[in-house]
Amino acid sequence: MNNFRILVADDHEIVRLGLVSLIESHPGWEVCAEADNGRMAVDKVKELKPDIAILDIGMPILNGLEATRQILRDNPQVNVLIMTVTDADSTIRAALDAGARGFVLKSDVARDVVAAVQALQYGHTFFTARASEMILSGYLGNARVTNKDEVTLPTLTSREREVIQLMAEGKSTKEVACLLDVSTKTAETHRRNLMRKLNLHSVSELVLFALRNGVIQLAADAIRPSKQPVTDRVAA
């Protein structure tokens, strides 16, 4: 019988290794790949076709929400479990709108991740108590938008969401072009169109918009030691 294959994506190495250890201690489960940013996660899912992708919501280069959208667009059979530091209403709505089948708080991962993966493995969903309350009360259907700062985000294309995250992370136009494999002129056009579309007039306004709408998150450990690059895991 084939193992149940899981991808783990988190830019915090210690969290990622802890998850890998928990998952691989469970009979019949294996971690087929690891990733430390959302773009790597999308590429690994496309290449390896895991059964479940566990994604941190606040990853660099491509956040967990946009990674979820891209994964499910190309691989709708993959179940996505989102990890986040908060179960604020806007975060829950965003995760569900992106197509996640599960939602766990990072503070509760050690306690909940096995139950969450089991639920998704057998075709169920797994959400925090707060998320379940919102779903059962019909909140998601009746109050999609509660903050004027969130209104414009859904109007952005997938590429525009990628560009705004990279810009908010401090990437130059040339770096954005390189990461997205487009010309510098195209990247600059995206930048101008975004600023106009969102009525933003400075990089600081763009960063604030990205923070308010969950495109990027402030890390508690903003100054981190250098980490070893993630390498491919080869199944035995």
C-alpha atoms as a PDB file:
ATOM      1  CA  MET A   1       0.000   0.000   0.000  1.00  0.00           C
ATOM      2  CA  ASN A   2       1.367   3.430  -0.973  1.00  0.00           C
ATOM      3  CA  ASN A   3       2.178   5.937   1.750  1.00  0.00           C
ATOM      4  CA  PHE A   4       0.074   9.059   2.201  1.00  0.00           C
ATOM      5  CA  ARG A   5       2.321  11.788   0.787  1.00  0.00           C
ATOM      6  CA  ILE A   6       2.575  15.254   2.363  1.00  0.00           C
ATOM      7  CA  LEU A   7       4.405  18.457   1.464  1.00  0.00           C
ATOM      8  CA  VAL A   8       5.451  20.783   4.299  1.00  0.00           C
ATOM      9  CA  ALA A   9       6.142  24.461   3.581  1.00  0.00           C
ATOM     10  CA  ASP A  10       7.299  26.935   6.235  1.00  0.00           C
ATOM     11  CA  ASP A  11      10.148  29.441   6.166  1.00  0.00           C
ATOM     12  CA  HIS A  12      10.946  28.780   9.837  1.00  0.00           C
ATOM     13  CA  GLU A  13      13.289  25.821   9.761  1.00  0.00           C
ATOM     14  CA  ILE A  14      12.609  24.726  13.332  1.00  0.00           C
ATOM     15  CA  VAL A  15       8.833  24.684  12.718  1.00  0.00           C
ATOM     16  CA  ARG A  16       9.262  22.815   9.455  1.00  0.00           C
ATOM     17  CA  LEU A  17      11.515  20.174  10.990  1.00  0.00           C
ATOM     18  CA  GLY A  18       9.125  19.733  13.903  1.00  0.00           C
ATOM     19  CA  LEU A  19       6.242  19.133  11.514  1.00  0.00           C
ATOM     20  CA  VAL A  20       8.272  16.675   9.478  1.00  0.00           C
ATOM     21  CA  SER A  21       9.111  14.736  12.634  1.00  0.00           C
ATOM     22  CA  LEU A  22       5.470  14.617  13.756  1.00  0.00           C
ATOM     23  CA  ILE A  23       4.227  13.508  10.355  1.00  0.00           C
ATOM     24  CA  GLU A  24       6.835  10.856   9.729  1.00  0.00           C
ATOM     25  CA  SER A  25       6.244   9.312  13.173  1.00  0.00           C
ATOM     26  CA  HIS A  26       2.740   8.413  11.965  1.00  0.00           C
ATOM     27  CA  PRO A  27       2.521   4.997  10.238  1.00  0.00           C
ATOM     28  CA  GLY A  28       1.732   5.266   6.539  1.00  0.00           C
ATOM     29  CA  TRP A  29       2.581   8.939   6.180  1.00  0.00           C
ATOM     30  CA  GLU A  30       5.643  10.394   4.497  1.00  0.00           C
ATOM     31  CA  VAL A  31       6.924  13.902   3.792  1.00  0.00           C
ATOM     32  CA  CYS A  32       7.688  13.844   0.079  1.00  0.00           C
ATOM     33  CA  ALA A  33       8.970  17.437  -0.065  1.00  0.00           C
ATOM     34  CA  GLU A  34       9.793  20.515   1.979  1.00  0.00           C
ATOM     35  CA  ALA A  35       9.743  24.179   0.955  1.00  0.00           C
ATOM     36  CA  ASP A  36      10.745  27.429   2.634  1.00  0.00           C
ATOM     37  CA  ASN A  37       8.723  29.782   0.419  1.00  0.00           C
ATOM     38  CA  GLY A  38       5.425  29.705  -1.424  1.00  0.00           C
ATOM     39  CA  ARG A  39       6.854  29.591  -4.924  1.00  0.00           C
ATOM     40  CA  MET A  40       8.935  26.535  -4.076  1.00  0.00           C
ATOM     41  CA  ALA A  41       5.825  24.901  -2.600  1.00  0.00           C
ATOM     42  CA  VAL A  42       3.835  25.486  -5.797  1.00  0.00           C
ATOM     43  CA  ASP A  43       6.644  24.030  -7.924  1.00  0.00           C
ATOM     44  CA  LYS A  44       7.049  20.991  -5.662  1.00  0.00           C
ATOM     45  CA  VAL A  45       3.322  20.245  -5.695  1.00  0.00           C
ATOM     46  CA  LYS A  46       3.279  20.461  -9.476  1.00  0.00           C
ATOM     47  CA  GLU A  47       6.260  18.118  -9.693  1.00  0.00           C
ATOM     48  CA  LEU A  48       5.459  15.572  -6.977  1.00  0.00           C
ATOM     49  CA  LYS A  49       1.641  15.676  -6.677  1.00  0.00           C
ATOM     50  CA  PRO A  50       1.363  15.098  -2.889  1.00  0.00           C
ATOM     51  CA  ASP A  51      -1.942  14.197  -1.256  1.00  0.00           C
ATOM     52  CA  ILE A  52      -1.769  17.147   1.164  1.00  0.00           C
ATOM     53  CA  ALA A  53       0.143  20.423   1.196  1.00  0.00           C
ATOM     54  CA  ILE A  54       0.668  22.024   4.618  1.00  0.00           C
ATOM     55  CA  LEU A  55       1.403  25.713   4.069  1.00  0.00           C
ATOM     56  CA  ASP A  56       2.399  28.504   6.417  1.00  0.00           C
ATOM     57  CA  ILE A  57       0.338  31.570   5.561  1.00  0.00           C
ATOM     58  CA  GLY A  58       3.205  34.063   6.014  1.00  0.00           C
ATOM     59  CA  MET A  59       5.941  32.739   3.706  1.00  0.00           C
ATOM     60  CA  PRO A  60       8.249  35.004   1.672  1.00  0.00           C
ATOM     61  CA  ILE A  61       8.254  35.477  -2.138  1.00  0.00           C
ATOM     62  CA  LEU A  62       4.772  33.927  -2.383  1.00  0.00           C
ATOM     63  CA  ASN A  63       2.518  33.759   0.670  1.00  0.00           C
ATOM     64  CA  GLY A  64       0.515  30.720   1.674  1.00  0.00           C
ATOM     65  CA  LEU A  65      -2.799  32.095   0.417  1.00  0.00           C
ATOM     66  CA  GLU A  66      -1.547  32.814  -3.096  1.00  0.00           C
ATOM     67  CA  ALA A  67       0.346  29.520  -3.112  1.00  0.00           C
ATOM     68  CA  THR A  68      -2.938  27.784  -2.229  1.00  0.00           C
ATOM     69  CA  ARG A  69      -4.725  29.464  -5.139  1.00  0.00           C
ATOM     70  CA  GLN A  70      -2.014  28.474  -7.601  1.00  0.00           C
ATOM     71  CA  ILE A  71      -1.744  24.921  -6.276  1.00  0.00           C
ATOM     72  CA  LEU A  72      -5.487  24.312  -6.526  1.00  0.00           C
ATOM     73  CA  ARG A  73      -5.733  25.942  -9.939  1.00  0.00           C
ATOM     74  CA  ASP A  74      -3.301  23.388 -11.382  1.00  0.00           C
ATOM     75  CA  ASN A  75      -3.810  20.479  -8.949  1.00  0.00           C
ATOM     76  CA  PRO A  76      -7.392  20.603  -7.632  1.00  0.00           C
ATOM     77  CA  GLN A  77      -7.077  17.115  -6.138  1.00  0.00           C
ATOM     78  CA  VAL A  78      -4.533  18.312  -3.561  1.00  0.00           C
ATOM     79  CA  ASN A  79      -5.891  19.169  -0.115  1.00  0.00           C
ATOM     80  CA  VAL A  80      -4.366  22.260   1.485  1.00  0.00           C
ATOM     81  CA  LEU A  81      -3.947  22.770   5.221  1.00  0.00           C
ATOM     82  CA  ILE A  82      -3.126  26.364   6.210  1.00  0.00           C
ATOM     83  CA  MET A  83      -1.100  27.276   9.305  1.00  0.00           C
ATOM     84  CA  THR A  84      -1.363  30.770  10.741  1.00  0.00           C
ATOM     85  CA  VAL A  85      -0.507  32.706  13.890  1.00  0.00           C
ATOM     86  CA  THR A  86      -4.003  34.201  14.148  1.00  0.00           C
ATOM     87  CA  ASP A  87      -7.609  33.161  13.564  1.00  0.00           C
ATOM     88  CA  ALA A  88      -8.828  36.706  12.965  1.00  0.00           C
ATOM     89  CA  ASP A  89     -12.006  36.876  10.887  1.00  0.00           C
ATOM     90  CA  SER A  90     -10.237  38.297   7.844  1.00  0.00           C
ATOM     91  CA  THR A  91      -7.585  35.546   7.930  1.00  0.00           C
ATOM     92  CA  ILE A  92     -10.179  32.797   8.151  1.00  0.00           C
ATOM     93  CA  ARG A  93     -12.168  34.275   5.265  1.00  0.00           C
ATOM     94  CA  ALA A  94      -9.049  34.597   3.139  1.00  0.00           C
ATOM     95  CA  ALA A  95      -7.965  30.996   3.774  1.00  0.00           C
ATOM     96  CA  LEU A  96     -11.399  29.620   2.934  1.00  0.00           C
ATOM     97  CA  ASP A  97     -11.742  31.810  -0.140  1.00  0.00           C
ATOM     98  CA  ALA A  98      -8.356  30.536  -1.357  1.00  0.00           C
ATOM     99  CA  GLY A  99      -9.703  26.971  -1.130  1.00  0.00           C
ATOM    100  CA  ALA A 100      -8.023  25.587   2.003  1.00  0.00           C
ATOM    101  CA  ARG A 101      -9.671  22.481   3.457  1.00  0.00           C
ATOM    102  CA  GLY A 102      -8.094  22.940   6.862  1.00  0.00           C
ATOM    103  CA  PHE A 103      -6.924  25.744   9.122  1.00  0.00           C
ATOM    104  CA  VAL A 104      -4.772  25.382  12.240  1.00  0.00           C
ATOM    105  CA  LEU A 105      -3.103  27.874  14.540  1.00  0.00           C
ATOM    106  CA  LYS A 106       0.672  27.582  14.693  1.00  0.00           C
ATOM    107  CA  SER A 107       0.487  27.724  18.473  1.00  0.00           C
ATOM    108  CA  ASP A 108      -1.602  24.527  18.369  1.00  0.00           C
ATOM    109  CA  VAL A 109       0.209  22.681  15.577  1.00  0.00           C
ATOM    110  CA  ALA A 110       1.888  20.142  17.862  1.00  0.00           C
ATOM    111  CA  ARG A 111      -1.515  19.257  19.309  1.00  0.00           C
ATOM    112  CA  ASP A 112      -3.700  19.507  16.177  1.00  0.00           C
ATOM    113  CA  VAL A 113      -1.664  18.693  13.073  1.00  0.00           C
ATOM    114  CA  VAL A 114      -2.090  14.915  13.250  1.00  0.00           C
ATOM    115  CA  ALA A 115      -5.868  15.230  13.699  1.00  0.00           C
ATOM    116  CA  ALA A 116      -5.990  17.807  10.888  1.00  0.00           C
ATOM    117  CA  VAL A 117      -4.075  15.622   8.434  1.00  0.00           C
ATOM    118  CA  GLN A 118      -6.230  12.609   9.357  1.00  0.00           C
ATOM    119  CA  ALA A 119      -9.386  14.634   8.704  1.00  0.00           C
ATOM    120  CA  LEU A 120      -8.194  15.719   5.264  1.00  0.00           C
ATOM    121  CA  GLN A 121      -6.945  12.218   4.477  1.00  0.00           C
ATOM    122  CA  TYR A 122     -10.474  10.865   4.865  1.00  0.00           C
ATOM    123  CA  GLY A 123     -12.200  13.632   2.935  1.00  0.00           C
ATOM    124  CA  HIS A 124     -13.202  15.845   5.854  1.00  0.00           C
ATOM    125  CA  THR A 125     -12.232  19.393   6.821  1.00  0.00           C
ATOM    126  CA  PHE A 126     -10.466  20.657   9.917  1.00  0.00           C
ATOM    127  CA  PHE A 127     -10.874  24.164  11.312  1.00  0.00           C
ATOM    128  CA  THR A 128     -10.293  25.973  14.581  1.00  0.00           C
ATOM    129  CA  ALA A 129     -13.301  26.507  16.821  1.00  0.00           C
ATOM    130  CA  ARG A 130     -13.448  30.157  15.757  1.00  0.00           C
ATOM    131  CA  ALA A 131     -13.460  29.278  12.064  1.00  0.00           C
ATOM    132  CA  SER A 132     -16.158  26.659  12.598  1.00  0.00           C
ATOM    133  CA  GLU A 133     -18.321  29.198  14.427  1.00  0.00           C
ATOM    134  CA  MET A 134     -18.043  31.597  11.503  1.00  0.00           C
ATOM    135  CA  ILE A 135     -19.002  28.939   8.979  1.00  0.00           C
ATOM    136  CA  LEU A 136     -21.945  27.610  10.985  1.00  0.00           C
ATOM    137  CA  SER A 137     -23.300  31.092  11.677  1.00  0.00           C
ATOM    138  CA  GLY A 138     -23.285  31.973   8.002  1.00  0.00           C
ATOM    139  CA  TYR A 139     -20.917  34.837   8.681  1.00  0.00           C
ATOM    140  CA  LEU A 140     -18.844  34.098   5.620  1.00  0.00           C
ATOM    141  CA  GLY A 141     -21.815  34.404   3.331  1.00  0.00           C
ATOM    142  CA  ASN A 142     -23.228  37.571   4.866  1.00  0.00           C
ATOM    143  CA  ALA A 143     -20.163  39.623   5.743  1.00  0.00           C
ATOM    144  CA  ARG A 144     -17.494  39.058   3.111  1.00  0.00           C
ATOM    145  CA  VAL A 145     -16.112  42.562   3.398  1.00  0.00           C
ATOM    146  CA  THR A 146     -15.936  44.338   6.725  1.00  0.00           C
ATOM    147  CA  ASN A 147     -12.996  46.658   6.177  1.00  0.00           C
ATOM    148  CA  LYS A 148     -12.616  49.138   3.352  1.00  0.00           C
ATOM    149  CA  ASP A 149      -8.906  48.313   3.138  1.00  0.00           C
ATOM    150  CA  GLU A 150      -9.800  44.739   2.095  1.00  0.00           C
ATOM    151  CA  VAL A 151     -12.147  45.684  -0.728  1.00  0.00           C
ATOM    152  CA  THR A 152      -9.560  46.189  -3.442  1.00  0.00           C
ATOM    153  CA  LEU A 153      -7.493  43.060  -2.824  1.00  0.00           C
ATOM    154  CA  PRO A 154      -9.860  40.527  -4.469  1.00  0.00           C
ATOM    155  CA  THR A 155      -9.801  42.639  -7.657  1.00  0.00           C
ATOM    156  CA  LEU A 156      -6.097  41.928  -8.107  1.00  0.00           C
ATOM    157  CA  THR A 157      -4.968  39.234 -10.511  1.00  0.00           C
ATOM    158  CA  SER A 158      -2.757  36.378  -9.375  1.00  0.00           C
ATOM    159  CA  ARG A 159       0.275  38.038 -10.945  1.00  0.00           C
ATOM    160  CA  GLU A 160      -0.559  41.380  -9.326  1.00  0.00           C
ATOM    161  CA  ARG A 161      -0.756  39.716  -5.904  1.00  0.00           C
ATOM    162  CA  GLU A 162       2.682  38.219  -6.518  1.00  0.00           C
ATOM    163  CA  VAL A 163       4.092  41.606  -7.518  1.00  0.00           C
ATOM    164  CA  ILE A 164       2.642  43.445  -4.533  1.00  0.00           C
ATOM    165  CA  GLN A 165       4.106  40.882  -2.117  1.00  0.00           C
ATOM    166  CA  LEU A 166       7.574  41.102  -3.680  1.00  0.00           C
ATOM    167  CA  MET A 167       7.466  44.897  -3.658  1.00  0.00           C
ATOM    168  CA  ALA A 168       6.276  44.973  -0.046  1.00  0.00           C
ATOM    169  CA  GLU A 169       9.158  42.659   0.859  1.00  0.00           C
ATOM    170  CA  GLY A 170      11.545  45.276  -0.491  1.00  0.00           C
ATOM    171  CA  LYS A 171      12.454  43.686  -3.819  1.00  0.00           C
ATOM    172  CA  SER A 172      13.658  46.038  -6.548  1.00  0.00           C
ATOM    173  CA  THR A 173      11.995  46.133  -9.970  1.00  0.00           C
ATOM    174  CA  LYS A 174      14.924  44.176 -11.376  1.00  0.00           C
ATOM    175  CA  GLU A 175      14.611  41.540  -8.642  1.00  0.00           C
ATOM    176  CA  VAL A 176      10.847  41.279  -9.215  1.00  0.00           C
ATOM    177  CA  ALA A 177      11.484  40.758 -12.927  1.00  0.00           C
ATOM    178  CA  CYS A 178      14.031  38.028 -12.207  1.00  0.00           C
ATOM    179  CA  LEU A 179      11.806  36.169  -9.729  1.00  0.00           C
ATOM    180  CA  LEU A 180       8.787  36.288 -12.041  1.00  0.00           C
ATOM    181  CA  ASP A 181      10.841  35.555 -15.167  1.00  0.00           C
ATOM    182  CA  VAL A 182       9.628  38.673 -16.989  1.00  0.00           C
ATOM    183  CA  SER A 183      11.408  41.681 -18.432  1.00  0.00           C
ATOM    184  CA  THR A 184      12.282  44.650 -16.238  1.00  0.00           C
ATOM    185  CA  LYS A 185       9.949  46.755 -18.374  1.00  0.00           C
ATOM    186  CA  THR A 186       7.051  44.362 -17.694  1.00  0.00           C
ATOM    187  CA  ALA A 187       7.778  44.395 -13.960  1.00  0.00           C
ATOM    188  CA  GLU A 188       7.824  48.189 -13.971  1.00  0.00           C
ATOM    189  CA  THR A 189       4.489  48.234 -15.821  1.00  0.00           C
ATOM    190  CA  HIS A 190       2.993  45.937 -13.185  1.00  0.00           C
ATOM    191  CA  ARG A 191       4.319  48.247 -10.462  1.00  0.00           C
ATOM    192  CA  ARG A 192       2.818  51.379 -12.029  1.00  0.00           C
ATOM    193  CA  ASN A 193      -0.522  49.680 -12.684  1.00  0.00           C
ATOM    194  CA  LEU A 194      -0.721  48.437  -9.105  1.00  0.00           C
ATOM    195  CA  MET A 195       0.016  51.816  -7.575  1.00  0.00           C
ATOM    196  CA  ARG A 196      -2.636  53.420  -9.764  1.00  0.00           C
ATOM    197  CA  LYS A 197      -5.194  50.643  -9.262  1.00  0.00           C
ATOM    198  CA  LEU A 198      -4.872  50.760  -5.475  1.00  0.00           C
ATOM    199  CA  ASN A 199      -4.494  54.546  -5.327  1.00  0.00           C
ATOM    200  CA  LEU A 200      -1.154  54.253  -3.550  1.00  0.00           C
ATOM    201  CA  HIS A 201       1.506  56.940  -3.789  1.00  0.00           C
ATOM    202  CA  SER A 202       4.558  55.532  -2.036  1.00  0.00           C
ATOM    203  CA  VAL A 203       6.253  52.280  -1.136  1.00  0.00           C
ATOM    204  CA  SER A 204       5.350  52.831   2.532  1.00  0.00           C
ATOM    205  CA  GLU A 205       1.649  53.003   1.594  1.00  0.00           C
ATOM    206  CA  LEU A 206       2.031  49.813  -0.424  1.00  0.00           C
ATOM    207  CA  VAL A 207       3.678  48.014   2.510  1.00  0.00           C
ATOM    208  CA  LEU A 208       0.883  49.161   4.833  1.00  0.00           C
ATOM    209  CA  PHE A 209      -1.737  47.929   2.354  1.00  0.00           C
ATOM    210  CA  ALA A 210       0.027  44.558   2.116  1.00  0.00           C
ATOM    211  CA  LEU A 211       0.143  44.219   5.906  1.00  0.00           C
ATOM    212  CA  ARG A 212      -3.500  45.178   6.386  1.00  0.00           C
ATOM    213  CA  ASN A 213      -4.662  42.689   3.754  1.00  0.00           C
ATOM    214  CA  GLY A 214      -2.518  39.751   4.821  1.00  0.00           C
ATOM    215  CA  VAL A 215      -0.286  39.768   1.753  1.00  0.00           C
ATOM    216  CA  ILE A 216       2.722  39.906   4.090  1.00  0.00           C
ATOM    217  CA  GLN A 217       3.003  39.426   7.834  1.00  0.00           C
ATOM    218  CA  LEU A 218       5.358  40.886  10.384  1.00  0.00           C
ATOM    219  CA  ALA A 219       7.625  38.185  11.736  1.00  0.00           C
ATOM    220  CA  ALA A 220       8.291  38.083  15.451  1.00  0.00           C
ATOM    221  CA  ASP A 221      11.871  37.116  14.686  1.00  0.00           C
ATOM    222  CA  ALA A 222      12.546  39.621  11.943  1.00  0.00           C
ATOM    223  CA  ILE A 223      16.283  39.231  12.430  1.00  0.00           C
ATOM    224  CA  ARG A 224      17.051  35.594  11.860  1.00  0.00           C
ATOM    225  CA  PRO A 225      20.281  33.645  11.614  1.00  0.00           C
ATOM    226  CA  SER A 226      21.136  32.374   8.169  1.00  0.00           C
ATOM    227  CA  LYS A 227      19.416  29.116   7.336  1.00  0.00           C
ATOM    228  CA  GLN A 228      20.572  26.170   5.311  1.00  0.00           C
ATOM    229  CA  PRO A 229      18.766  26.000   1.947  1.00  0.00           C
ATOM    230  CA  VAL A 230      15.978  23.476   1.639  1.00  0.00           C
ATOM    231  CA  THR A 231      16.998  20.486  -0.436  1.00  0.00           C
ATOM    232  CA  ASP A 232      14.825  18.009  -2.256  1.00  0.00           C
ATOM    233  CA  ARG A 233      13.661  15.001  -0.285  1.00  0.00           C
ATOM    234  CA  VAL A 234      13.886  11.773  -2.224  1.00  0.00           C
ATOM    235  CA  ALA A 235      11.434   9.077  -1.264  1.00  0.00           C
ATOM    236  CA  ALA A 236      12.965   5.699  -0.605  1.00  0.00           C
END
